[in-house]
PDB file of all heavy atoms in Angstrom:
ATOM      1  N   GLU A   1      95.340  87.594 134.894  1.00  0.00           N
ATOM      2  CA  GLU A   1      94.575  87.043 133.767  1.00  0.00           C
ATOM      3  C   GLU A   1      93.567  88.049 133.225  1.00  0.00           C
ATOM      4  O   GLU A   1      93.142  87.945 132.066  1.00  0.00           O
ATOM      5  CB  GLU A   1      93.836  85.772 134.203  1.00  0.00           C
ATOM      6  CG  GLU A   1      94.722  84.569 134.482  1.00  0.00           C
ATOM      7  CD  GLU A   1      95.456  84.668 135.811  1.00  0.00           C
ATOM      8  OE1 GLU A   1      95.038  85.483 136.681  1.00  0.00           O
ATOM      9  OE2 GLU A   1      96.446  83.933 135.983  1.00  0.00           O
ATOM     10  N   ASP A   2      93.196  89.038 134.049  1.00  0.00           N
ATOM     11  CA  ASP A   2      92.214  90.041 133.631  1.00  0.00           C
ATOM     12  C   ASP A   2      92.871  91.333 133.148  1.00  0.00           C
ATOM     13  O   ASP A   2      92.186  92.351 133.010  1.00  0.00           O
ATOM     14  CB  ASP A   2      91.272  90.374 134.795  1.00  0.00           C
ATOM     15  CG  ASP A   2      90.402  89.190 135.193  1.00  0.00           C
ATOM     16  OD1 ASP A   2      90.175  88.320 134.324  1.00  0.00           O
ATOM     17  OD2 ASP A   2      89.974  89.139 136.364  1.00  0.00           O
ATOM     18  N   PHE A   3      94.154  91.290 132.896  1.00  0.00           N
ATOM     19  CA  PHE A   3      94.839  92.524 132.484  1.00  0.00           C
ATOM     20  C   PHE A   3      94.177  93.074 131.223  1.00  0.00           C
ATOM     21  O   PHE A   3      94.029  92.366 130.229  1.00  0.00           O
ATOM     22  CB  PHE A   3      96.320  92.263 132.218  1.00  0.00           C
ATOM     23  CG  PHE A   3      97.180  93.472 132.418  1.00  0.00           C
ATOM     24  CD1 PHE A   3      97.885  93.645 133.593  1.00  0.00           C
ATOM     25  CD2 PHE A   3      97.264  94.458 131.442  1.00  0.00           C
ATOM     26  CE1 PHE A   3      98.676  94.767 133.800  1.00  0.00           C
ATOM     27  CE2 PHE A   3      98.041  95.580 131.620  1.00  0.00           C
ATOM     28  CZ  PHE A   3      98.751  95.746 132.815  1.00  0.00           C
ATOM     29  N   PRO A   4      93.770  94.340 131.242  1.00  0.00           N
ATOM     30  CA  PRO A   4      92.993  94.867 130.113  1.00  0.00           C
ATOM     31  C   PRO A   4      93.857  95.222 128.912  1.00  0.00           C
ATOM     32  O   PRO A   4      95.074  95.402 129.027  1.00  0.00           O
ATOM     33  CB  PRO A   4      92.360  96.136 130.704  1.00  0.00           C
ATOM     34  CG  PRO A   4      93.344  96.590 131.725  1.00  0.00           C
ATOM     35  CD  PRO A   4      93.927  95.335 132.321  1.00  0.00           C
ATOM     36  N   ASP A   5      93.226  95.322 127.774  1.00  0.00           N
ATOM     37  CA  ASP A   5      93.853  95.862 126.565  1.00  0.00           C
ATOM     38  C   ASP A   5      94.322  97.286 126.871  1.00  0.00           C
ATOM     39  O   ASP A   5      93.579  98.099 127.407  1.00  0.00           O
ATOM     40  CB  ASP A   5      92.818  95.873 125.440  1.00  0.00           C
ATOM     41  CG  ASP A   5      93.395  96.255 124.088  1.00  0.00           C
ATOM     42  OD1 ASP A   5      94.200  97.205 124.024  1.00  0.00           O
ATOM     43  OD2 ASP A   5      93.023  95.615 123.091  1.00  0.00           O
ATOM     44  N   VAL A   6      95.590  97.575 126.540  1.00  0.00           N
ATOM     45  CA  VAL A   6      96.140  98.897 126.887  1.00  0.00           C
ATOM     46  C   VAL A   6      96.045  99.899 125.731  1.00  0.00           C
ATOM     47  O   VAL A   6      96.522 101.026 125.846  1.00  0.00           O
ATOM     48  CB  VAL A   6      97.607  98.787 127.336  1.00  0.00           C
ATOM     49  CG1 VAL A   6      97.729  97.927 128.578  1.00  0.00           C
ATOM     50  CG2 VAL A   6      98.497  98.266 126.204  1.00  0.00           C
ATOM     51  N   THR A   7      95.400  99.499 124.637  1.00  0.00           N
ATOM     52  CA  THR A   7      95.356 100.373 123.460  1.00  0.00           C
ATOM     53  C   THR A   7      94.794 101.748 123.791  1.00  0.00           C
ATOM     54  O   THR A   7      95.310 102.767 123.328  1.00  0.00           O
ATOM     55  CB  THR A   7      94.505  99.729 122.341  1.00  0.00           C
ATOM     56  OG1 THR A   7      95.023  98.433 122.036  1.00  0.00           O
ATOM     57  CG2 THR A   7      94.512 100.594 121.092  1.00  0.00           C
ATOM     58  N   ALA A   8      93.751 101.787 124.589  1.00  0.00           N
ATOM     59  CA  ALA A   8      93.075 103.056 124.875  1.00  0.00           C
ATOM     60  C   ALA A   8      93.246 103.477 126.327  1.00  0.00           C
ATOM     61  O   ALA A   8      92.412 104.196 126.871  1.00  0.00           O
ATOM     62  CB  ALA A   8      91.594 102.948 124.530  1.00  0.00           C
ATOM     63  N   THR A   9      94.332 103.040 126.964  1.00  0.00           N
ATOM     64  CA  THR A   9      94.516 103.388 128.372  1.00  0.00           C
ATOM     65  C   THR A   9      94.512 104.903 128.573  1.00  0.00           C
ATOM     66  O   THR A   9      95.002 105.660 127.730  1.00  0.00           O
ATOM     67  CB  THR A   9      95.818 102.792 128.927  1.00  0.00           C
ATOM     68  OG1 THR A   9      95.918 103.114 130.323  1.00  0.00           O
ATOM     69  CG2 THR A   9      97.040 103.346 128.210  1.00  0.00           C
ATOM     70  N   ILE A  10      93.935 105.345 129.703  1.00  0.00           N
ATOM     71  CA  ILE A  10      93.953 106.770 130.054  1.00  0.00           C
ATOM     72  C   ILE A  10      95.061 107.049 131.063  1.00  0.00           C
ATOM     73  O   ILE A  10      95.196 108.171 131.546  1.00  0.00           O
ATOM     74  CB  ILE A  10      92.589 107.237 130.617  1.00  0.00           C
ATOM     75  CG1 ILE A  10      92.085 106.300 131.729  1.00  0.00           C
ATOM     76  CG2 ILE A  10      91.572 107.333 129.487  1.00  0.00           C
ATOM     77  CD1 ILE A  10      92.622 106.557 133.109  1.00  0.00           C
ATOM     78  N   ASN A  11      95.853 106.024 131.357  1.00  0.00           N
ATOM     79  CA  ASN A  11      96.928 106.163 132.337  1.00  0.00           C
ATOM     80  C   ASN A  11      98.256 106.230 131.593  1.00  0.00           C
ATOM     81  O   ASN A  11      98.764 105.204 131.133  1.00  0.00           O
ATOM     82  CB  ASN A  11      96.894 104.977 133.315  1.00  0.00           C
ATOM     83  CG  ASN A  11      97.881 105.135 134.443  1.00  0.00           C
ATOM     84  OD1 ASN A  11      99.074 105.242 134.212  1.00  0.00           O
ATOM     85  ND2 ASN A  11      97.378 105.149 135.669  1.00  0.00           N
ATOM     86  N   GLU A  12      98.834 107.428 131.493  1.00  0.00           N
ATOM     87  CA  GLU A  12     100.050 107.570 130.707  1.00  0.00           C
ATOM     88  C   GLU A  12     101.260 106.931 131.382  1.00  0.00           C
ATOM     89  O   GLU A  12     102.234 106.597 130.711  1.00  0.00           O
ATOM     90  CB  GLU A  12     100.339 109.034 130.397  1.00  0.00           C
ATOM     91  CG  GLU A  12     101.618 109.294 129.610  1.00  0.00           C
ATOM     92  CD  GLU A  12     101.780 108.438 128.367  1.00  0.00           C
ATOM     93  OE1 GLU A  12     100.766 107.988 127.797  1.00  0.00           O
ATOM     94  OE2 GLU A  12     102.933 108.212 127.962  1.00  0.00           O
ATOM     95  N   SER A  13     101.216 106.718 132.686  1.00  0.00           N
ATOM     96  CA  SER A  13     102.302 105.981 133.326  1.00  0.00           C
ATOM     97  C   SER A  13     102.366 104.561 132.770  1.00  0.00           C
ATOM     98  O   SER A  13     103.441 104.047 132.442  1.00  0.00           O
ATOM     99  CB  SER A  13     102.115 105.955 134.837  1.00  0.00           C
ATOM    100  OG  SER A  13     102.169 107.251 135.372  1.00  0.00           O
ATOM    101  N   LEU A  14     101.198 103.923 132.642  1.00  0.00           N
ATOM    102  CA  LEU A  14     101.140 102.592 132.056  1.00  0.00           C
ATOM    103  C   LEU A  14     101.419 102.656 130.555  1.00  0.00           C
ATOM    104  O   LEU A  14     102.152 101.826 130.008  1.00  0.00           O
ATOM    105  CB  LEU A  14      99.772 101.966 132.314  1.00  0.00           C
ATOM    106  CG  LEU A  14      99.572 100.536 131.800  1.00  0.00           C
ATOM    107  CD1 LEU A  14     100.529  99.571 132.486  1.00  0.00           C
ATOM    108  CD2 LEU A  14      98.119 100.089 131.997  1.00  0.00           C
ATOM    109  N   GLY A  15     100.830 103.651 129.877  1.00  0.00           N
ATOM    110  CA  GLY A  15     101.067 103.799 128.442  1.00  0.00           C
ATOM    111  C   GLY A  15     102.529 104.045 128.129  1.00  0.00           C
ATOM    112  O   GLY A  15     103.072 103.513 127.156  1.00  0.00           O
ATOM    113  N   GLY A  16     103.182 104.857 128.944  1.00  0.00           N
ATOM    114  CA  GLY A  16     104.598 105.116 128.734  1.00  0.00           C
ATOM    115  C   GLY A  16     105.445 103.876 128.948  1.00  0.00           C
ATOM    116  O   GLY A  16     106.435 103.654 128.240  1.00  0.00           O
ATOM    117  N   GLU A  17     105.041 103.044 129.919  1.00  0.00           N
ATOM    118  CA  GLU A  17     105.760 101.787 130.149  1.00  0.00           C
ATOM    119  C   GLU A  17     105.588 100.848 128.955  1.00  0.00           C
ATOM    120  O   GLU A  17     106.523 100.127 128.575  1.00  0.00           O
ATOM    121  CB  GLU A  17     105.253 101.122 131.418  1.00  0.00           C
ATOM    122  CG  GLU A  17     106.108  99.980 131.925  1.00  0.00           C
ATOM    123  CD  GLU A  17     107.410 100.436 132.571  1.00  0.00           C
ATOM    124  OE1 GLU A  17     107.531 101.625 132.953  1.00  0.00           O
ATOM    125  OE2 GLU A  17     108.321  99.589 132.703  1.00  0.00           O
ATOM    126  N   PHE A  18     104.404 100.851 128.365  1.00  0.00           N
ATOM    127  CA  PHE A  18     104.168 100.037 127.171  1.00  0.00           C
ATOM    128  C   PHE A  18     105.033 100.517 126.016  1.00  0.00           C
ATOM    129  O   PHE A  18     105.624  99.708 125.292  1.00  0.00           O
ATOM    130  CB  PHE A  18     102.685 100.096 126.800  1.00  0.00           C
ATOM    131  CG  PHE A  18     102.291  99.186 125.660  1.00  0.00           C
ATOM    132  CD1 PHE A  18     102.683  97.860 125.635  1.00  0.00           C
ATOM    133  CD2 PHE A  18     101.498  99.665 124.624  1.00  0.00           C
ATOM    134  CE1 PHE A  18     102.302  97.011 124.594  1.00  0.00           C
ATOM    135  CE2 PHE A  18     101.107  98.827 123.575  1.00  0.00           C
ATOM    136  CZ  PHE A  18     101.519  97.504 123.564  1.00  0.00           C
ATOM    137  N   ASP A  19     105.158 101.825 125.840  1.00  0.00           N
ATOM    138  CA  ASP A  19     106.040 102.354 124.802  1.00  0.00           C
ATOM    139  C   ASP A  19     107.487 101.945 125.055  1.00  0.00           C
ATOM    140  O   ASP A  19     108.216 101.556 124.127  1.00  0.00           O
ATOM    141  CB  ASP A  19     105.944 103.878 124.742  1.00  0.00           C
ATOM    142  CG  ASP A  19     104.660 104.361 124.100  1.00  0.00           C
ATOM    143  OD1 ASP A  19     103.911 103.525 123.560  1.00  0.00           O
ATOM    144  OD2 ASP A  19     104.402 105.576 124.140  1.00  0.00           O
ATOM    145  N   LYS A  20     107.911 102.054 126.295  1.00  0.00           N
ATOM    146  CA  LYS A  20     109.281 101.657 126.659  1.00  0.00           C
ATOM    147  C   LYS A  20     109.502 100.185 126.347  1.00  0.00           C
ATOM    148  O   LYS A  20     110.542  99.791 125.796  1.00  0.00           O
ATOM    149  CB  LYS A  20     109.514 101.941 128.145  1.00  0.00           C
ATOM    150  CG  LYS A  20     110.884 101.540 128.657  1.00  0.00           C
ATOM    151  CD  LYS A  20     110.994 101.837 130.148  1.00  0.00           C
ATOM    152  CE  LYS A  20     112.333 101.386 130.716  1.00  0.00           C
ATOM    153  NZ  LYS A  20     112.430 101.659 132.162  1.00  0.00           N
ATOM    154  N   PHE A  21     108.528  99.357 126.690  1.00  0.00           N
ATOM    155  CA  PHE A  21     108.609  97.918 126.412  1.00  0.00           C
ATOM    156  C   PHE A  21     108.712  97.669 124.913  1.00  0.00           C
ATOM    157  O   PHE A  21     109.536  96.870 124.456  1.00  0.00           O
ATOM    158  CB  PHE A  21     107.384  97.221 126.992  1.00  0.00           C
ATOM    159  CG  PHE A  21     107.222  95.804 126.528  1.00  0.00           C
ATOM    160  CD1 PHE A  21     107.965  94.791 127.095  1.00  0.00           C
ATOM    161  CD2 PHE A  21     106.321  95.495 125.514  1.00  0.00           C
ATOM    162  CE1 PHE A  21     107.820  93.470 126.660  1.00  0.00           C
ATOM    163  CE2 PHE A  21     106.171  94.187 125.073  1.00  0.00           C
ATOM    164  CZ  PHE A  21     106.922  93.171 125.655  1.00  0.00           C
ATOM    165  N   ARG A  22     107.873  98.351 124.142  1.00  0.00           N
ATOM    166  CA  ARG A  22     107.889  98.128 122.695  1.00  0.00           C
ATOM    167  C   ARG A  22     109.199  98.608 122.076  1.00  0.00           C
ATOM    168  O   ARG A  22     109.712  97.986 121.129  1.00  0.00           O
ATOM    169  CB  ARG A  22     106.688  98.808 122.039  1.00  0.00           C
ATOM    170  CG  ARG A  22     105.362  98.133 122.387  1.00  0.00           C
ATOM    171  CD  ARG A  22     104.198  98.700 121.606  1.00  0.00           C
ATOM    172  NE  ARG A  22     103.912 100.089 121.959  1.00  0.00           N
ATOM    173  CZ  ARG A  22     102.966 100.824 121.379  1.00  0.00           C
ATOM    174  NH1 ARG A  22     102.228 100.298 120.402  1.00  0.00           N
ATOM    175  NH2 ARG A  22     102.746 102.068 121.762  1.00  0.00           N
ATOM    176  N   ARG A  23     109.744  99.702 122.575  1.00  0.00           N
ATOM    177  CA  ARG A  23     111.053 100.134 122.072  1.00  0.00           C
ATOM    178  C   ARG A  23     112.105  99.051 122.324  1.00  0.00           C
ATOM    179  O   ARG A  23     112.985  98.823 121.489  1.00  0.00           O
ATOM    180  CB  ARG A  23     111.469 101.448 122.728  1.00  0.00           C
ATOM    181  CG  ARG A  23     110.744 102.664 122.208  1.00  0.00           C
ATOM    182  CD  ARG A  23     111.405 103.956 122.678  1.00  0.00           C
ATOM    183  NE  ARG A  23     111.343 104.109 124.125  1.00  0.00           N
ATOM    184  CZ  ARG A  23     110.349 104.720 124.764  1.00  0.00           C
ATOM    185  NH1 ARG A  23     109.331 105.235 124.082  1.00  0.00           N
ATOM    186  NH2 ARG A  23     110.367 104.844 126.083  1.00  0.00           N
ATOM    187  N   ASP A  24     112.007  98.394 123.476  1.00  0.00           N
ATOM    188  CA  ASP A  24     112.989  97.343 123.755  1.00  0.00           C
ATOM    189  C   ASP A  24     112.777  96.130 122.865  1.00  0.00           C
ATOM    190  O   ASP A  24     113.725  95.385 122.605  1.00  0.00           O
ATOM    191  CB  ASP A  24     112.931  96.932 125.228  1.00  0.00           C
ATOM    192  CG  ASP A  24     114.173  96.153 125.633  1.00  0.00           C
ATOM    193  OD1 ASP A  24     115.290  96.696 125.483  1.00  0.00           O
ATOM    194  OD2 ASP A  24     114.040  94.997 126.081  1.00  0.00           O
ATOM    195  N   GLN A  25     111.558  95.920 122.378  1.00  0.00           N
ATOM    196  CA  GLN A  25     111.334  94.846 121.415  1.00  0.00           C
ATOM    197  C   GLN A  25     112.059  95.129 120.097  1.00  0.00           C
ATOM    198  O   GLN A  25     112.495  94.197 119.410  1.00  0.00           O
ATOM    199  CB  GLN A  25     109.839  94.647 121.165  1.00  0.00           C
ATOM    200  CG  GLN A  25     109.054  94.222 122.397  1.00  0.00           C
ATOM    201  CD  GLN A  25     109.717  93.103 123.161  1.00  0.00           C
ATOM    202  OE1 GLN A  25     109.896  91.995 122.639  1.00  0.00           O
ATOM    203  NE2 GLN A  25     110.097  93.376 124.406  1.00  0.00           N
ATOM    204  N   VAL A  26     112.198  96.397 119.748  1.00  0.00           N
ATOM    205  CA  VAL A  26     112.974  96.762 118.555  1.00  0.00           C
ATOM    206  C   VAL A  26     114.438  96.390 118.765  1.00  0.00           C
ATOM    207  O   VAL A  26     115.087  95.806 117.886  1.00  0.00           O
ATOM    208  CB  VAL A  26     112.832  98.270 118.245  1.00  0.00           C
ATOM    209  CG1 VAL A  26     113.707  98.650 117.052  1.00  0.00           C
ATOM    210  CG2 VAL A  26     111.376  98.621 117.971  1.00  0.00           C
ATOM    211  N   ARG A  27     114.978  96.743 119.933  1.00  0.00           N
ATOM    212  CA  ARG A  27     116.361  96.362 120.233  1.00  0.00           C
ATOM    213  C   ARG A  27     116.524  94.847 120.147  1.00  0.00           C
ATOM    214  O   ARG A  27     117.477  94.350 119.524  1.00  0.00           O
ATOM    215  CB  ARG A  27     116.745  96.855 121.635  1.00  0.00           C
ATOM    216  CG  ARG A  27     118.166  96.461 122.060  1.00  0.00           C
ATOM    217  CD  ARG A  27     118.306  96.362 123.573  1.00  0.00           C
ATOM    218  NE  ARG A  27     117.354  95.471 124.190  1.00  0.00           N
ATOM    219  CZ  ARG A  27     117.462  94.137 124.185  1.00  0.00           C
ATOM    220  NH1 ARG A  27     118.501  93.553 123.574  1.00  0.00           N
ATOM    221  NH2 ARG A  27     116.539  93.380 124.769  1.00  0.00           N
ATOM    222  N   ALA A  28     115.621  94.116 120.776  1.00  0.00           N
ATOM    223  CA  ALA A  28     115.720  92.655 120.780  1.00  0.00           C
ATOM    224  C   ALA A  28     115.584  92.080 119.377  1.00  0.00           C
ATOM    225  O   ALA A  28     116.261  91.100 119.024  1.00  0.00           O
ATOM    226  CB  ALA A  28     114.645  92.070 121.700  1.00  0.00           C
ATOM    227  N   PHE A  29     114.710  92.668 118.570  1.00  0.00           N
ATOM    228  CA  PHE A  29     114.519  92.211 117.186  1.00  0.00           C
ATOM    229  C   PHE A  29     115.798  92.395 116.374  1.00  0.00           C
ATOM    230  O   PHE A  29     116.221  91.488 115.639  1.00  0.00           O
ATOM    231  CB  PHE A  29     113.367  92.999 116.566  1.00  0.00           C
ATOM    232  CG  PHE A  29     113.119  92.712 115.111  1.00  0.00           C
ATOM    233  CD1 PHE A  29     112.433  91.575 114.723  1.00  0.00           C
ATOM    234  CD2 PHE A  29     113.557  93.587 114.124  1.00  0.00           C
ATOM    235  CE1 PHE A  29     112.194  91.303 113.374  1.00  0.00           C
ATOM    236  CE2 PHE A  29     113.323  93.331 112.784  1.00  0.00           C
ATOM    237  CZ  PHE A  29     112.643  92.186 112.412  1.00  0.00           C
ATOM    238  N   LEU A  30     116.431  93.558 116.500  1.00  0.00           N
ATOM    239  CA  LEU A  30     117.673  93.787 115.765  1.00  0.00           C
ATOM    240  C   LEU A  30     118.783  92.876 116.268  1.00  0.00           C
ATOM    241  O   LEU A  30     119.593  92.368 115.477  1.00  0.00           O
ATOM    242  CB  LEU A  30     118.087  95.255 115.884  1.00  0.00           C
ATOM    243  CG  LEU A  30     117.161  96.264 115.204  1.00  0.00           C
ATOM    244  CD1 LEU A  30     117.627  97.686 115.478  1.00  0.00           C
ATOM    245  CD2 LEU A  30     117.074  96.011 113.700  1.00  0.00           C
ATOM    246  N   GLN A  31     118.833  92.649 117.584  1.00  0.00           N
ATOM    247  CA  GLN A  31     119.835  91.731 118.130  1.00  0.00           C
ATOM    248  C   GLN A  31     119.610  90.325 117.613  1.00  0.00           C
ATOM    249  O   GLN A  31     120.570  89.603 117.288  1.00  0.00           O
ATOM    250  CB  GLN A  31     119.783  91.750 119.656  1.00  0.00           C
ATOM    251  CG  GLN A  31     120.894  90.941 120.318  1.00  0.00           C
ATOM    252  CD  GLN A  31     122.250  91.565 120.090  1.00  0.00           C
ATOM    253  OE1 GLN A  31     122.513  92.688 120.543  1.00  0.00           O
ATOM    254  NE2 GLN A  31     123.126  90.867 119.379  1.00  0.00           N
ATOM    255  N   TRP A  32     118.344  89.916 117.543  1.00  0.00           N
ATOM    256  CA  TRP A  32     117.996  88.593 117.007  1.00  0.00           C
ATOM    257  C   TRP A  32     118.506  88.438 115.578  1.00  0.00           C
ATOM    258  O   TRP A  32     119.134  87.425 115.238  1.00  0.00           O
ATOM    259  CB  TRP A  32     116.479  88.425 117.085  1.00  0.00           C
ATOM    260  CG  TRP A  32     115.899  87.271 116.345  1.00  0.00           C
ATOM    261  CD1 TRP A  32     115.938  85.963 116.717  1.00  0.00           C
ATOM    262  CD2 TRP A  32     115.184  87.325 115.104  1.00  0.00           C
ATOM    263  NE1 TRP A  32     115.283  85.193 115.780  1.00  0.00           N
ATOM    264  CE2 TRP A  32     114.811  85.999 114.784  1.00  0.00           C
ATOM    265  CE3 TRP A  32     114.809  88.364 114.254  1.00  0.00           C
ATOM    266  CZ2 TRP A  32     114.093  85.688 113.630  1.00  0.00           C
ATOM    267  CZ3 TRP A  32     114.087  88.063 113.101  1.00  0.00           C
ATOM    268  CH2 TRP A  32     113.740  86.737 112.800  1.00  0.00           C
ATOM    269  N   GLN A  33     118.271  89.433 114.743  1.00  0.00           N
ATOM    270  CA  GLN A  33     118.747  89.351 113.363  1.00  0.00           C
ATOM    271  C   GLN A  33     120.270  89.364 113.299  1.00  0.00           C
ATOM    272  O   GLN A  33     120.888  88.592 112.561  1.00  0.00           O
ATOM    273  CB  GLN A  33     118.189  90.515 112.537  1.00  0.00           C
ATOM    274  CG  GLN A  33     116.729  90.414 112.211  1.00  0.00           C
ATOM    275  CD  GLN A  33     116.390  90.949 110.828  1.00  0.00           C
ATOM    276  OE1 GLN A  33     117.253  91.139 109.979  1.00  0.00           O
ATOM    277  NE2 GLN A  33     115.131  91.182 110.595  1.00  0.00           N
ATOM    278  N   ALA A  34     120.889  90.253 114.075  1.00  0.00           N
ATOM    279  CA  ALA A  34     122.348  90.353 114.047  1.00  0.00           C
ATOM    280  C   ALA A  34     122.999  89.038 114.486  1.00  0.00           C
ATOM    281  O   ALA A  34     124.023  88.619 113.921  1.00  0.00           O
ATOM    282  CB  ALA A  34     122.810  91.508 114.928  1.00  0.00           C
ATOM    283  N   ASP A  35     122.420  88.378 115.477  1.00  0.00           N
ATOM    284  CA  ASP A  35     122.971  87.108 115.944  1.00  0.00           C
ATOM    285  C   ASP A  35     122.903  86.042 114.849  1.00  0.00           C
ATOM    286  O   ASP A  35     123.834  85.227 114.700  1.00  0.00           O
ATOM    287  CB  ASP A  35     122.219  86.625 117.188  1.00  0.00           C
ATOM    288  CG  ASP A  35     122.530  87.457 118.430  1.00  0.00           C
ATOM    289  OD1 ASP A  35     123.522  88.219 118.410  1.00  0.00           O
ATOM    290  OD2 ASP A  35     121.759  87.355 119.409  1.00  0.00           O
ATOM    291  N   ILE A  36     121.818  86.044 114.098  1.00  0.00           N
ATOM    292  CA  ILE A  36     121.704  85.080 112.994  1.00  0.00           C
ATOM    293  C   ILE A  36     122.753  85.380 111.926  1.00  0.00           C
ATOM    294  O   ILE A  36     123.474  84.495 111.461  1.00  0.00           O
ATOM    295  CB  ILE A  36     120.297  85.121 112.376  1.00  0.00           C
ATOM    296  CG1 ILE A  36     119.252  84.668 113.388  1.00  0.00           C
ATOM    297  CG2 ILE A  36     120.231  84.250 111.120  1.00  0.00           C
ATOM    298  CD1 ILE A  36     117.817  84.912 112.943  1.00  0.00           C
ATOM    299  N   VAL A  37     122.848  86.647 111.534  1.00  0.00           N
ATOM    300  CA  VAL A  37     123.804  87.025 110.491  1.00  0.00           C
ATOM    301  C   VAL A  37     125.226  86.701 110.920  1.00  0.00           C
ATOM    302  O   VAL A  37     126.043  86.217 110.122  1.00  0.00           O
ATOM    303  CB  VAL A  37     123.661  88.523 110.152  1.00  0.00           C
ATOM    304  CG1 VAL A  37     124.777  88.973 109.219  1.00  0.00           C
ATOM    305  CG2 VAL A  37     122.298  88.801 109.521  1.00  0.00           C
ATOM    306  N   ARG A  38     125.549  86.943 112.192  1.00  0.00           N
ATOM    307  CA  ARG A  38     126.914  86.736 112.667  1.00  0.00           C
ATOM    308  C   ARG A  38     127.338  85.277 112.584  1.00  0.00           C
ATOM    309  O   ARG A  38     128.535  84.973 112.514  1.00  0.00           O
ATOM    310  CB  ARG A  38     127.031  87.275 114.092  1.00  0.00           C
ATOM    311  CG  ARG A  38     128.425  87.270 114.691  1.00  0.00           C
ATOM    312  CD  ARG A  38     129.480  87.861 113.783  1.00  0.00           C
ATOM    313  NE  ARG A  38     129.356  89.283 113.537  1.00  0.00           N
ATOM    314  CZ  ARG A  38     130.058  89.937 112.619  1.00  0.00           C
ATOM    315  NH1 ARG A  38     130.914  89.279 111.843  1.00  0.00           N
ATOM    316  NH2 ARG A  38     129.894  91.231 112.441  1.00  0.00           N
ATOM    317  N   GLU A  39     126.370  84.350 112.560  1.00  0.00           N
ATOM    318  CA  GLU A  39     126.718  82.937 112.404  1.00  0.00           C
ATOM    319  C   GLU A  39     127.400  82.672 111.063  1.00  0.00           C
ATOM    320  O   GLU A  39     128.156  81.693 110.931  1.00  0.00           O
ATOM    321  CB  GLU A  39     125.467  82.066 112.528  1.00  0.00           C
ATOM    322  CG  GLU A  39     124.851  82.031 113.922  1.00  0.00           C
ATOM    323  CD  GLU A  39     123.651  81.114 113.980  1.00  0.00           C
ATOM    324  OE1 GLU A  39     123.662  80.077 113.269  1.00  0.00           O
ATOM    325  OE2 GLU A  39     122.690  81.417 114.717  1.00  0.00           O
ATOM    326  N   TYR A  40     127.130  83.506 110.070  1.00  0.00           N
ATOM    327  CA  TYR A  40     127.667  83.284 108.728  1.00  0.00           C
ATOM    328  C   TYR A  40     128.710  84.338 108.332  1.00  0.00           C
ATOM    329  O   TYR A  40     129.549  84.070 107.468  1.00  0.00           O
ATOM    330  CB  TYR A  40     126.526  83.315 107.699  1.00  0.00           C
ATOM    331  CG  TYR A  40     125.426  82.335 108.004  1.00  0.00           C
ATOM    332  CD1 TYR A  40     124.286  82.723 108.715  1.00  0.00           C
ATOM    333  CD2 TYR A  40     125.520  81.000 107.613  1.00  0.00           C
ATOM    334  CE1 TYR A  40     123.274  81.827 109.006  1.00  0.00           C
ATOM    335  CE2 TYR A  40     124.513  80.088 107.901  1.00  0.00           C
ATOM    336  CZ  TYR A  40     123.396  80.511 108.601  1.00  0.00           C
ATOM    337  OH  TYR A  40     122.405  79.605 108.902  1.00  0.00           O
ATOM    338  N   ALA A  41     128.641  85.514 108.937  1.00  0.00           N
ATOM    339  CA  ALA A  41     129.519  86.608 108.526  1.00  0.00           C
ATOM    340  C   ALA A  41     130.968  86.314 108.879  1.00  0.00           C
ATOM    341  O   ALA A  41     131.268  85.680 109.889  1.00  0.00           O
ATOM    342  CB  ALA A  41     129.069  87.907 109.200  1.00  0.00           C
TER     343      ALA A  41
END
């Protein structure tokens, strides 16, 4: 519950994991859109 804001983290291991996570959100976002489109295509 006390997990800090990672915007200014000085720990690049954690920062790199956040970048990796956000990149996967892009994949999931595109998959989400593609799944919707495929219902009609």
